[in-house]
């Protein structure tokens, strides 16, 4: 599933700023942090860890109890050190910067998981169904072979069950479950967590972090209906990091969505890189998978009546479907 992949790693001695920018520049959602002297894996860095860092550094609880969101984890000394030394984030002294290894697995929500690279795909799917988004595939000696993600499995399925072309005979394997409507296969899909378009980006980050989700729908509430106006994911903070625009954290989330669309269209010759992907309740499982594979999305919003938000289906939901 990852044949030919050359995994990108981050040197554990790099500063927080340098490590974050490497993640952004390589356009990866996560990367292993490696101790270059020993060759051992220190942990993983992903955008959830970066969000945890941002909330630690920039958040202040209204009741005066700072960082309450992190108190359920046994990370007291590490968190205390990060908060007390956050001012070192942009210091010019190369020997006195906050080290990136402190952010490894900081959120604890998507911890480092390893799997022998010769393991069957079914074993990876079983792990992915538990809301683990990626695995480090290792060789027998423990060294890194590559990184397998939920997206790799989705792409594999999309290749296995290609789009049906009218008038042509399709010799691909039949998948009975894949031809059923997405809401029939996953009738237990929960009501989607959303945020009003006028709430701040920081509010959105807090909700995503505390709810253990990686994306949230931006809606305009009109009576009982939630009209989908966009979405924000944890990976969108790369625009804040890349351009050092920390002020964007206090933007209304609807304005932030429009802002990053403009920035990314400019960077990509007018191509919209952050569109909102939606499907209807009757769309088949395999068509949703194909759409996710083509768009490289991690979730798709389920709507009716045009833009009335009803639910969401994530890559983890598909891993649960495959496991069943």
C-alpha atoms as a PDB file:
ATOM      1  CA  UNK A   1       0.000   0.000   0.000  1.00  0.00           C
ATOM      2  CA  UNK A   2       2.977   2.360   0.450  1.00  0.00           C
ATOM      3  CA  UNK A   3       5.341   0.924  -2.154  1.00  0.00           C
ATOM      4  CA  UNK A   4       8.070   3.411  -3.084  1.00  0.00           C
ATOM      5  CA  UNK A   5       7.313   5.738  -0.178  1.00  0.00           C
ATOM      6  CA  UNK A   6      10.238   7.700   1.258  1.00  0.00           C
ATOM      7  CA  UNK A   7       9.112   8.657   4.783  1.00  0.00           C
ATOM      8  CA  UNK A   8       9.837  12.190   5.957  1.00  0.00           C
ATOM      9  CA  UNK A   9      11.225  12.378   9.487  1.00  0.00           C
ATOM     10  CA  UNK A  10      11.937  15.287  11.831  1.00  0.00           C
ATOM     11  CA  UNK A  11      15.181  15.569  13.789  1.00  0.00           C
ATOM     12  CA  UNK A  12      14.365  15.610  17.522  1.00  0.00           C
ATOM     13  CA  UNK A  13      16.962  18.343  18.086  1.00  0.00           C
ATOM     14  CA  UNK A  14      15.089  20.822  15.857  1.00  0.00           C
ATOM     15  CA  UNK A  15      13.217  23.718  17.440  1.00  0.00           C
ATOM     16  CA  UNK A  16       9.404  23.801  17.627  1.00  0.00           C
ATOM     17  CA  UNK A  17       9.336  26.451  14.911  1.00  0.00           C
ATOM     18  CA  UNK A  18      11.654  24.449  12.608  1.00  0.00           C
ATOM     19  CA  UNK A  19       9.792  21.185  13.180  1.00  0.00           C
ATOM     20  CA  UNK A  20       6.406  22.768  12.496  1.00  0.00           C
ATOM     21  CA  UNK A  21       7.643  24.362   9.298  1.00  0.00           C
ATOM     22  CA  UNK A  22       9.058  21.038   8.075  1.00  0.00           C
ATOM     23  CA  UNK A  23       5.644  19.437   8.525  1.00  0.00           C
ATOM     24  CA  UNK A  24       4.024  22.299   6.596  1.00  0.00           C
ATOM     25  CA  UNK A  25       6.593  22.403   3.785  1.00  0.00           C
ATOM     26  CA  UNK A  26       6.374  18.651   3.099  1.00  0.00           C
ATOM     27  CA  UNK A  27       2.557  18.867   3.159  1.00  0.00           C
ATOM     28  CA  UNK A  28       2.239  15.936   5.552  1.00  0.00           C
ATOM     29  CA  UNK A  29      -0.337  15.726   8.323  1.00  0.00           C
ATOM     30  CA  UNK A  30       2.122  13.880  10.565  1.00  0.00           C
ATOM     31  CA  UNK A  31       5.745  12.759  10.718  1.00  0.00           C
ATOM     32  CA  UNK A  32       7.894  10.676  13.081  1.00  0.00           C
ATOM     33  CA  UNK A  33      10.380  12.511  15.263  1.00  0.00           C
ATOM     34  CA  UNK A  34      13.691  10.647  15.203  1.00  0.00           C
ATOM     35  CA  UNK A  35      16.708  10.869  17.485  1.00  0.00           C
ATOM     36  CA  UNK A  36      19.416  11.133  14.824  1.00  0.00           C
ATOM     37  CA  UNK A  37      22.127   9.907  17.211  1.00  0.00           C
ATOM     38  CA  UNK A  38      20.402   6.638  18.145  1.00  0.00           C
ATOM     39  CA  UNK A  39      18.065   6.265  15.167  1.00  0.00           C
ATOM     40  CA  UNK A  40      15.196   5.549  17.552  1.00  0.00           C
ATOM     41  CA  UNK A  41      11.668   6.894  17.147  1.00  0.00           C
ATOM     42  CA  UNK A  42      10.926   9.532  19.813  1.00  0.00           C
ATOM     43  CA  UNK A  43       7.256   9.810  18.848  1.00  0.00           C
ATOM     44  CA  UNK A  44       4.948  11.308  16.259  1.00  0.00           C
ATOM     45  CA  UNK A  45       4.186  14.930  15.498  1.00  0.00           C
ATOM     46  CA  UNK A  46       0.810  15.743  13.974  1.00  0.00           C
ATOM     47  CA  UNK A  47      -1.485  18.759  13.803  1.00  0.00           C
ATOM     48  CA  UNK A  48      -3.391  17.645  16.896  1.00  0.00           C
ATOM     49  CA  UNK A  49      -0.117  17.988  18.834  1.00  0.00           C
ATOM     50  CA  UNK A  50       0.344  21.454  17.350  1.00  0.00           C
ATOM     51  CA  UNK A  51      -3.199  22.404  18.378  1.00  0.00           C
ATOM     52  CA  UNK A  52      -2.467  21.133  21.899  1.00  0.00           C
ATOM     53  CA  UNK A  53       0.623  23.351  21.932  1.00  0.00           C
ATOM     54  CA  UNK A  54      -1.312  26.400  20.694  1.00  0.00           C
ATOM     55  CA  UNK A  55      -4.028  25.906  23.315  1.00  0.00           C
ATOM     56  CA  UNK A  56      -1.401  25.565  26.039  1.00  0.00           C
ATOM     57  CA  UNK A  57       0.444  28.705  25.017  1.00  0.00           C
ATOM     58  CA  UNK A  58      -2.413  30.999  24.003  1.00  0.00           C
ATOM     59  CA  UNK A  59      -5.413  29.869  26.083  1.00  0.00           C
ATOM     60  CA  UNK A  60      -6.558  31.371  29.359  1.00  0.00           C
ATOM     61  CA  UNK A  61      -9.648  30.027  31.080  1.00  0.00           C
ATOM     62  CA  UNK A  62     -12.256  32.609  31.950  1.00  0.00           C
ATOM     63  CA  UNK A  63     -12.479  31.287  35.532  1.00  0.00           C
ATOM     64  CA  UNK A  64      -8.764  31.755  36.027  1.00  0.00           C
ATOM     65  CA  UNK A  65      -7.906  28.051  36.004  1.00  0.00           C
ATOM     66  CA  UNK A  66      -5.599  27.874  33.034  1.00  0.00           C
ATOM     67  CA  UNK A  67      -5.252  24.781  30.825  1.00  0.00           C
ATOM     68  CA  UNK A  68      -8.091  22.850  32.475  1.00  0.00           C
ATOM     69  CA  UNK A  69      -8.528  20.970  29.197  1.00  0.00           C
ATOM     70  CA  UNK A  70      -5.252  19.113  29.839  1.00  0.00           C
ATOM     71  CA  UNK A  71      -5.723  18.173  33.495  1.00  0.00           C
ATOM     72  CA  UNK A  72      -7.002  14.662  32.768  1.00  0.00           C
ATOM     73  CA  UNK A  73      -3.578  13.602  31.485  1.00  0.00           C
ATOM     74  CA  UNK A  74      -0.543  12.694  33.550  1.00  0.00           C
ATOM     75  CA  UNK A  75       1.741  15.176  31.830  1.00  0.00           C
ATOM     76  CA  UNK A  76       2.116  17.807  34.513  1.00  0.00           C
ATOM     77  CA  UNK A  77       5.860  18.468  34.402  1.00  0.00           C
ATOM     78  CA  UNK A  78       6.042  18.407  30.597  1.00  0.00           C
ATOM     79  CA  UNK A  79       3.125  20.827  30.214  1.00  0.00           C
ATOM     80  CA  UNK A  80       4.485  23.099  32.941  1.00  0.00           C
ATOM     81  CA  UNK A  81       7.845  23.259  31.144  1.00  0.00           C
ATOM     82  CA  UNK A  82       6.253  24.055  27.760  1.00  0.00           C
ATOM     83  CA  UNK A  83       4.080  26.835  29.172  1.00  0.00           C
ATOM     84  CA  UNK A  84       6.921  28.394  31.173  1.00  0.00           C
ATOM     85  CA  UNK A  85       9.291  28.278  28.196  1.00  0.00           C
ATOM     86  CA  UNK A  86       6.899  29.202  25.393  1.00  0.00           C
ATOM     87  CA  UNK A  87       8.671  32.531  25.010  1.00  0.00           C
ATOM     88  CA  UNK A  88      11.596  30.599  23.494  1.00  0.00           C
ATOM     89  CA  UNK A  89       9.473  29.741  20.436  1.00  0.00           C
ATOM     90  CA  UNK A  90      10.930  32.509  18.274  1.00  0.00           C
ATOM     91  CA  UNK A  91      14.193  33.324  20.039  1.00  0.00           C
ATOM     92  CA  UNK A  92      17.168  33.919  17.783  1.00  0.00           C
ATOM     93  CA  UNK A  93      19.551  32.000  20.064  1.00  0.00           C
ATOM     94  CA  UNK A  94      19.792  28.569  18.368  1.00  0.00           C
ATOM     95  CA  UNK A  95      20.967  26.960  21.625  1.00  0.00           C
ATOM     96  CA  UNK A  96      18.033  28.292  23.650  1.00  0.00           C
ATOM     97  CA  UNK A  97      14.967  27.316  21.640  1.00  0.00           C
ATOM     98  CA  UNK A  98      12.052  25.110  22.635  1.00  0.00           C
ATOM     99  CA  UNK A  99      12.771  21.633  21.227  1.00  0.00           C
ATOM    100  CA  UNK A 100      10.299  19.878  18.901  1.00  0.00           C
ATOM    101  CA  UNK A 101      10.591  16.559  20.772  1.00  0.00           C
ATOM    102  CA  UNK A 102       8.504  18.115  23.565  1.00  0.00           C
ATOM    103  CA  UNK A 103       5.502  18.135  21.208  1.00  0.00           C
ATOM    104  CA  UNK A 104       5.774  14.421  20.322  1.00  0.00           C
ATOM    105  CA  UNK A 105       2.412  12.781  21.149  1.00  0.00           C
ATOM    106  CA  UNK A 106       1.518  15.836  23.261  1.00  0.00           C
ATOM    107  CA  UNK A 107      -2.219  15.482  22.623  1.00  0.00           C
ATOM    108  CA  UNK A 108      -2.235  11.739  23.516  1.00  0.00           C
ATOM    109  CA  UNK A 109      -5.226  11.384  21.151  1.00  0.00           C
ATOM    110  CA  UNK A 110      -3.311   9.794  18.261  1.00  0.00           C
ATOM    111  CA  UNK A 111      -0.365   8.078  19.966  1.00  0.00           C
ATOM    112  CA  UNK A 112       2.545   6.436  18.195  1.00  0.00           C
ATOM    113  CA  UNK A 113       1.574   2.946  17.022  1.00  0.00           C
ATOM    114  CA  UNK A 114       3.871   0.536  15.227  1.00  0.00           C
ATOM    115  CA  UNK A 115       3.130  -2.517  13.090  1.00  0.00           C
ATOM    116  CA  UNK A 116       5.435  -4.986  11.376  1.00  0.00           C
ATOM    117  CA  UNK A 117       5.550  -4.062   7.682  1.00  0.00           C
ATOM    118  CA  UNK A 118       4.748  -7.643   6.607  1.00  0.00           C
ATOM    119  CA  UNK A 119       1.441  -7.667   8.549  1.00  0.00           C
ATOM    120  CA  UNK A 120      -1.847  -8.167   6.653  1.00  0.00           C
ATOM    121  CA  UNK A 121      -3.913  -5.105   5.759  1.00  0.00           C
ATOM    122  CA  UNK A 122      -6.738  -6.463   7.945  1.00  0.00           C
ATOM    123  CA  UNK A 123      -4.548  -5.953  11.026  1.00  0.00           C
ATOM    124  CA  UNK A 124      -4.016  -2.293  10.109  1.00  0.00           C
ATOM    125  CA  UNK A 125      -7.761  -1.823   9.514  1.00  0.00           C
ATOM    126  CA  UNK A 126      -8.499  -3.277  12.956  1.00  0.00           C
ATOM    127  CA  UNK A 127      -6.183  -0.684  14.546  1.00  0.00           C
ATOM    128  CA  UNK A 128      -7.528   2.146  12.351  1.00  0.00           C
ATOM    129  CA  UNK A 129     -11.092   1.333  13.436  1.00  0.00           C
ATOM    130  CA  UNK A 130     -10.104   2.455  16.955  1.00  0.00           C
ATOM    131  CA  UNK A 131      -9.606   6.057  15.760  1.00  0.00           C
ATOM    132  CA  UNK A 132      -5.887   5.627  15.118  1.00  0.00           C
ATOM    133  CA  UNK A 133      -5.163   7.593  11.942  1.00  0.00           C
ATOM    134  CA  UNK A 134      -1.719   6.315  10.982  1.00  0.00           C
ATOM    135  CA  UNK A 135       0.784   3.575  11.770  1.00  0.00           C
ATOM    136  CA  UNK A 136       4.549   3.436  11.673  1.00  0.00           C
ATOM    137  CA  UNK A 137       5.484   0.308   9.727  1.00  0.00           C
ATOM    138  CA  UNK A 138       8.726  -1.104  11.099  1.00  0.00           C
ATOM    139  CA  UNK A 139      11.198  -3.753  10.009  1.00  0.00           C
ATOM    140  CA  UNK A 140      12.189  -6.721  12.167  1.00  0.00           C
ATOM    141  CA  UNK A 141      15.048  -4.706  13.701  1.00  0.00           C
ATOM    142  CA  UNK A 142      12.672  -1.903  14.736  1.00  0.00           C
ATOM    143  CA  UNK A 143      13.849   0.565  12.089  1.00  0.00           C
ATOM    144  CA  UNK A 144      11.293   2.603  10.142  1.00  0.00           C
ATOM    145  CA  UNK A 145       9.988   1.151   6.866  1.00  0.00           C
ATOM    146  CA  UNK A 146       7.257   3.706   6.152  1.00  0.00           C
ATOM    147  CA  UNK A 147       4.033   5.327   7.315  1.00  0.00           C
ATOM    148  CA  UNK A 148       0.626   3.801   6.596  1.00  0.00           C
ATOM    149  CA  UNK A 149      -2.473   5.981   6.989  1.00  0.00           C
ATOM    150  CA  UNK A 150      -6.218   5.503   6.759  1.00  0.00           C
ATOM    151  CA  UNK A 151      -6.021   7.429   3.469  1.00  0.00           C
ATOM    152  CA  UNK A 152      -3.744   4.743   1.987  1.00  0.00           C
ATOM    153  CA  UNK A 153      -6.404   2.099   2.675  1.00  0.00           C
ATOM    154  CA  UNK A 154      -9.128   4.296   1.137  1.00  0.00           C
ATOM    155  CA  UNK A 155      -7.041   4.836  -2.019  1.00  0.00           C
ATOM    156  CA  UNK A 156      -6.428   1.084  -2.261  1.00  0.00           C
ATOM    157  CA  UNK A 157     -10.197   0.441  -2.094  1.00  0.00           C
ATOM    158  CA  UNK A 158     -10.936   3.139  -4.674  1.00  0.00           C
ATOM    159  CA  UNK A 159      -8.420   1.505  -7.060  1.00  0.00           C
ATOM    160  CA  UNK A 160      -9.950  -1.911  -6.383  1.00  0.00           C
ATOM    161  CA  UNK A 161     -13.479  -0.662  -7.117  1.00  0.00           C
ATOM    162  CA  UNK A 162     -13.110   1.938  -9.897  1.00  0.00           C
ATOM    163  CA  UNK A 163     -15.805   4.334 -11.062  1.00  0.00           C
ATOM    164  CA  UNK A 164     -18.412   2.637 -13.239  1.00  0.00           C
ATOM    165  CA  UNK A 165     -18.251   3.984 -16.807  1.00  0.00           C
ATOM    166  CA  UNK A 166     -21.646   3.924 -18.602  1.00  0.00           C
ATOM    167  CA  UNK A 167     -21.690   1.620 -21.634  1.00  0.00           C
ATOM    168  CA  UNK A 168     -18.520  -0.228 -20.663  1.00  0.00           C
ATOM    169  CA  UNK A 169     -18.144  -3.620 -19.054  1.00  0.00           C
ATOM    170  CA  UNK A 170     -16.444  -3.367 -15.674  1.00  0.00           C
ATOM    171  CA  UNK A 171     -14.340  -6.393 -14.750  1.00  0.00           C
ATOM    172  CA  UNK A 172     -13.609  -5.235 -11.203  1.00  0.00           C
ATOM    173  CA  UNK A 173     -14.552  -7.249  -8.128  1.00  0.00           C
ATOM    174  CA  UNK A 174     -18.105  -6.812  -6.892  1.00  0.00           C
ATOM    175  CA  UNK A 175     -18.560  -5.452  -3.381  1.00  0.00           C
ATOM    176  CA  UNK A 176     -22.163  -5.835  -2.260  1.00  0.00           C
ATOM    177  CA  UNK A 177     -21.769  -3.718   0.866  1.00  0.00           C
ATOM    178  CA  UNK A 178     -20.100  -0.958  -1.139  1.00  0.00           C
ATOM    179  CA  UNK A 179     -23.187  -0.535  -3.320  1.00  0.00           C
ATOM    180  CA  UNK A 180     -25.458   0.237  -0.344  1.00  0.00           C
ATOM    181  CA  UNK A 181     -26.317   3.825   0.736  1.00  0.00           C
ATOM    182  CA  UNK A 182     -23.867   5.253   3.249  1.00  0.00           C
ATOM    183  CA  UNK A 183     -26.568   6.007   5.826  1.00  0.00           C
ATOM    184  CA  UNK A 184     -27.924   2.447   5.585  1.00  0.00           C
ATOM    185  CA  UNK A 185     -24.515   0.923   6.243  1.00  0.00           C
ATOM    186  CA  UNK A 186     -23.799   3.338   9.103  1.00  0.00           C
ATOM    187  CA  UNK A 187     -27.255   4.188  10.525  1.00  0.00           C
ATOM    188  CA  UNK A 188     -25.665   5.032  13.876  1.00  0.00           C
ATOM    189  CA  UNK A 189     -23.793   8.052  12.505  1.00  0.00           C
ATOM    190  CA  UNK A 190     -24.062  10.691  15.213  1.00  0.00           C
ATOM    191  CA  UNK A 191     -25.312  14.229  14.816  1.00  0.00           C
ATOM    192  CA  UNK A 192     -22.384  16.256  13.587  1.00  0.00           C
ATOM    193  CA  UNK A 193     -20.530  18.628  15.892  1.00  0.00           C
ATOM    194  CA  UNK A 194     -20.598  22.127  14.390  1.00  0.00           C
ATOM    195  CA  UNK A 195     -19.660  25.705  15.188  1.00  0.00           C
ATOM    196  CA  UNK A 196     -21.389  28.966  14.353  1.00  0.00           C
ATOM    197  CA  UNK A 197     -19.599  30.950  11.640  1.00  0.00           C
ATOM    198  CA  UNK A 198     -19.142  33.945  13.972  1.00  0.00           C
ATOM    199  CA  UNK A 199     -17.297  31.995  16.710  1.00  0.00           C
ATOM    200  CA  UNK A 200     -13.500  32.348  16.833  1.00  0.00           C
ATOM    201  CA  UNK A 201     -10.874  29.988  15.445  1.00  0.00           C
ATOM    202  CA  UNK A 202      -9.656  29.404  19.017  1.00  0.00           C
ATOM    203  CA  UNK A 203     -13.183  28.310  19.969  1.00  0.00           C
ATOM    204  CA  UNK A 204     -13.125  25.847  17.058  1.00  0.00           C
ATOM    205  CA  UNK A 205      -9.730  24.464  18.125  1.00  0.00           C
ATOM    206  CA  UNK A 206     -10.946  23.989  21.707  1.00  0.00           C
ATOM    207  CA  UNK A 207     -14.076  22.142  20.554  1.00  0.00           C
ATOM    208  CA  UNK A 208     -12.089  19.884  18.204  1.00  0.00           C
ATOM    209  CA  UNK A 209      -9.511  19.118  20.865  1.00  0.00           C
ATOM    210  CA  UNK A 210     -11.942  18.426  23.704  1.00  0.00           C
ATOM    211  CA  UNK A 211     -14.269  16.402  21.426  1.00  0.00           C
ATOM    212  CA  UNK A 212     -11.387  14.345  19.977  1.00  0.00           C
ATOM    213  CA  UNK A 213     -12.272  15.276  16.387  1.00  0.00           C
ATOM    214  CA  UNK A 214      -9.995  16.644  13.681  1.00  0.00           C
ATOM    215  CA  UNK A 215     -12.502  18.774  11.780  1.00  0.00           C
ATOM    216  CA  UNK A 216     -15.622  20.770  12.519  1.00  0.00           C
ATOM    217  CA  UNK A 217     -18.411  22.055  10.290  1.00  0.00           C
ATOM    218  CA  UNK A 218     -18.935  25.812  10.037  1.00  0.00           C
ATOM    219  CA  UNK A 219     -22.660  26.512   9.954  1.00  0.00           C
ATOM    220  CA  UNK A 220     -25.176  29.304   9.782  1.00  0.00           C
ATOM    221  CA  UNK A 221     -28.079  28.498  12.081  1.00  0.00           C
ATOM    222  CA  UNK A 222     -31.540  29.295  10.698  1.00  0.00           C
ATOM    223  CA  UNK A 223     -34.285  27.908  12.890  1.00  0.00           C
ATOM    224  CA  UNK A 224     -33.846  24.146  13.212  1.00  0.00           C
ATOM    225  CA  UNK A 225     -31.621  23.952  10.141  1.00  0.00           C
ATOM    226  CA  UNK A 226     -27.835  24.133  10.046  1.00  0.00           C
ATOM    227  CA  UNK A 227     -26.686  25.474   6.708  1.00  0.00           C
ATOM    228  CA  UNK A 228     -23.167  24.302   5.888  1.00  0.00           C
ATOM    229  CA  UNK A 229     -20.879  27.251   5.136  1.00  0.00           C
ATOM    230  CA  UNK A 230     -17.481  25.564   5.292  1.00  0.00           C
ATOM    231  CA  UNK A 231     -15.262  23.505   7.541  1.00  0.00           C
ATOM    232  CA  UNK A 232     -12.104  23.925   9.523  1.00  0.00           C
ATOM    233  CA  UNK A 233      -9.692  21.147  10.391  1.00  0.00           C
ATOM    234  CA  UNK A 234      -6.660  20.984  12.628  1.00  0.00           C
ATOM    235  CA  UNK A 235      -4.413  20.926   9.562  1.00  0.00           C
ATOM    236  CA  UNK A 236      -5.664  24.395   8.601  1.00  0.00           C
ATOM    237  CA  UNK A 237      -3.480  25.894  11.328  1.00  0.00           C
ATOM    238  CA  UNK A 238      -0.572  25.349   8.942  1.00  0.00           C
ATOM    239  CA  UNK A 239      -1.589  28.654   7.366  1.00  0.00           C
ATOM    240  CA  UNK A 240      -1.139  30.328  10.748  1.00  0.00           C
ATOM    241  CA  UNK A 241       2.261  28.678  11.285  1.00  0.00           C
ATOM    242  CA  UNK A 242       3.533  29.111   7.718  1.00  0.00           C
ATOM    243  CA  UNK A 243       2.796  32.824   7.621  1.00  0.00           C
ATOM    244  CA  UNK A 244       3.267  33.587  11.359  1.00  0.00           C
ATOM    245  CA  UNK A 245      -0.247  35.038  11.379  1.00  0.00           C
ATOM    246  CA  UNK A 246      -1.152  34.258  14.986  1.00  0.00           C
ATOM    247  CA  UNK A 247      -3.808  37.002  14.900  1.00  0.00           C
ATOM    248  CA  UNK A 248      -5.909  34.679  12.715  1.00  0.00           C
ATOM    249  CA  UNK A 249      -6.583  32.550  15.808  1.00  0.00           C
ATOM    250  CA  UNK A 250      -9.024  35.225  16.980  1.00  0.00           C
ATOM    251  CA  UNK A 251     -10.785  35.638  13.618  1.00  0.00           C
ATOM    252  CA  UNK A 252     -14.429  34.565  13.269  1.00  0.00           C
ATOM    253  CA  UNK A 253     -14.127  31.005  11.987  1.00  0.00           C
ATOM    254  CA  UNK A 254     -16.240  31.766   8.889  1.00  0.00           C
ATOM    255  CA  UNK A 255     -13.877  34.604   7.925  1.00  0.00           C
ATOM    256  CA  UNK A 256     -10.870  32.349   8.576  1.00  0.00           C
ATOM    257  CA  UNK A 257     -12.263  29.727   6.195  1.00  0.00           C
ATOM    258  CA  UNK A 258     -12.645  32.341   3.443  1.00  0.00           C
ATOM    259  CA  UNK A 259      -9.180  33.752   4.195  1.00  0.00           C
ATOM    260  CA  UNK A 260      -7.377  30.425   3.858  1.00  0.00           C
ATOM    261  CA  UNK A 261      -9.275  29.653   0.665  1.00  0.00           C
ATOM    262  CA  UNK A 262      -7.949  32.881  -0.833  1.00  0.00           C
ATOM    263  CA  UNK A 263      -4.390  32.224   0.403  1.00  0.00           C
ATOM    264  CA  UNK A 264      -4.326  28.671  -0.946  1.00  0.00           C
ATOM    265  CA  UNK A 265      -5.903  29.629  -4.264  1.00  0.00           C
ATOM    266  CA  UNK A 266      -3.142  32.247  -4.663  1.00  0.00           C
ATOM    267  CA  UNK A 267      -0.458  29.649  -3.826  1.00  0.00           C
ATOM    268  CA  UNK A 268      -1.974  27.080  -6.220  1.00  0.00           C
ATOM    269  CA  UNK A 269      -2.671  29.175  -9.333  1.00  0.00           C
ATOM    270  CA  UNK A 270      -6.321  29.725  -8.548  1.00  0.00           C
ATOM    271  CA  UNK A 271      -7.139  26.101  -7.666  1.00  0.00           C
ATOM    272  CA  UNK A 272      -9.431  25.814  -4.637  1.00  0.00           C
ATOM    273  CA  UNK A 273      -7.616  23.555  -2.158  1.00  0.00           C
ATOM    274  CA  UNK A 274     -10.124  23.776   0.704  1.00  0.00           C
ATOM    275  CA  UNK A 275     -13.544  23.215  -0.850  1.00  0.00           C
ATOM    276  CA  UNK A 276     -16.372  21.607   1.131  1.00  0.00           C
ATOM    277  CA  UNK A 277     -17.110  18.049   0.018  1.00  0.00           C
ATOM    278  CA  UNK A 278     -20.684  16.816   0.461  1.00  0.00           C
ATOM    279  CA  UNK A 279     -22.837  13.828  -0.491  1.00  0.00           C
ATOM    280  CA  UNK A 280     -26.502  12.930  -0.119  1.00  0.00           C
ATOM    281  CA  UNK A 281     -27.838  10.315   2.285  1.00  0.00           C
ATOM    282  CA  UNK A 282     -28.471   7.855  -0.584  1.00  0.00           C
ATOM    283  CA  UNK A 283     -24.930   7.988  -1.996  1.00  0.00           C
ATOM    284  CA  UNK A 284     -23.336   4.528  -2.032  1.00  0.00           C
ATOM    285  CA  UNK A 285     -20.409   3.585   0.188  1.00  0.00           C
ATOM    286  CA  UNK A 286     -18.065   2.998  -2.748  1.00  0.00           C
ATOM    287  CA  UNK A 287     -18.925   6.340  -4.387  1.00  0.00           C
ATOM    288  CA  UNK A 288     -18.143   8.110  -1.132  1.00  0.00           C
ATOM    289  CA  UNK A 289     -14.836   6.214  -0.912  1.00  0.00           C
ATOM    290  CA  UNK A 290     -13.981   7.151  -4.499  1.00  0.00           C
ATOM    291  CA  UNK A 291     -14.742  10.808  -3.795  1.00  0.00           C
ATOM    292  CA  UNK A 292     -12.556  10.772  -0.675  1.00  0.00           C
ATOM    293  CA  UNK A 293      -9.706   9.134  -2.598  1.00  0.00           C
ATOM    294  CA  UNK A 294      -9.847  11.692  -5.434  1.00  0.00           C
ATOM    295  CA  UNK A 295     -10.134  14.704  -3.121  1.00  0.00           C
ATOM    296  CA  UNK A 296      -7.709  13.266  -0.521  1.00  0.00           C
ATOM    297  CA  UNK A 297     -10.228  14.236   2.125  1.00  0.00           C
ATOM    298  CA  UNK A 298     -10.473  12.782   5.624  1.00  0.00           C
ATOM    299  CA  UNK A 299     -14.237  13.197   5.987  1.00  0.00           C
ATOM    300  CA  UNK A 300     -17.302  13.999   3.956  1.00  0.00           C
ATOM    301  CA  UNK A 301     -20.411  15.899   5.041  1.00  0.00           C
ATOM    302  CA  UNK A 302     -23.846  14.366   4.529  1.00  0.00           C
ATOM    303  CA  UNK A 303     -26.499  16.934   3.591  1.00  0.00           C
ATOM    304  CA  UNK A 304     -30.064  17.216   2.338  1.00  0.00           C
ATOM    305  CA  UNK A 305     -31.996  20.066   0.731  1.00  0.00           C
ATOM    306  CA  UNK A 306     -28.795  21.467  -0.751  1.00  0.00           C
ATOM    307  CA  UNK A 307     -26.761  22.550   2.250  1.00  0.00           C
ATOM    308  CA  UNK A 308     -28.714  21.421   5.318  1.00  0.00           C
ATOM    309  CA  UNK A 309     -26.137  19.547   7.390  1.00  0.00           C
ATOM    310  CA  UNK A 310     -27.261  16.153   8.700  1.00  0.00           C
ATOM    311  CA  UNK A 311     -24.153  14.135   9.520  1.00  0.00           C
ATOM    312  CA  UNK A 312     -20.526  13.400   8.720  1.00  0.00           C
ATOM    313  CA  UNK A 313     -18.652  10.270   7.686  1.00  0.00           C
ATOM    314  CA  UNK A 314     -14.955  10.086   8.541  1.00  0.00           C
ATOM    315  CA  UNK A 315     -12.183   7.729   7.475  1.00  0.00           C
ATOM    316  CA  UNK A 316     -12.489   6.045  10.875  1.00  0.00           C
ATOM    317  CA  UNK A 317     -16.158   5.314  10.099  1.00  0.00           C
ATOM    318  CA  UNK A 318     -15.041   3.551   6.922  1.00  0.00           C
ATOM    319  CA  UNK A 319     -12.461   1.531   8.851  1.00  0.00           C
ATOM    320  CA  UNK A 320     -15.291   0.376  11.144  1.00  0.00           C
ATOM    321  CA  UNK A 321     -17.351  -0.591   8.090  1.00  0.00           C
ATOM    322  CA  UNK A 322     -14.437  -2.621   6.705  1.00  0.00           C
ATOM    323  CA  UNK A 323     -13.776  -4.300  10.046  1.00  0.00           C
ATOM    324  CA  UNK A 324     -17.438  -5.365  10.301  1.00  0.00           C
END
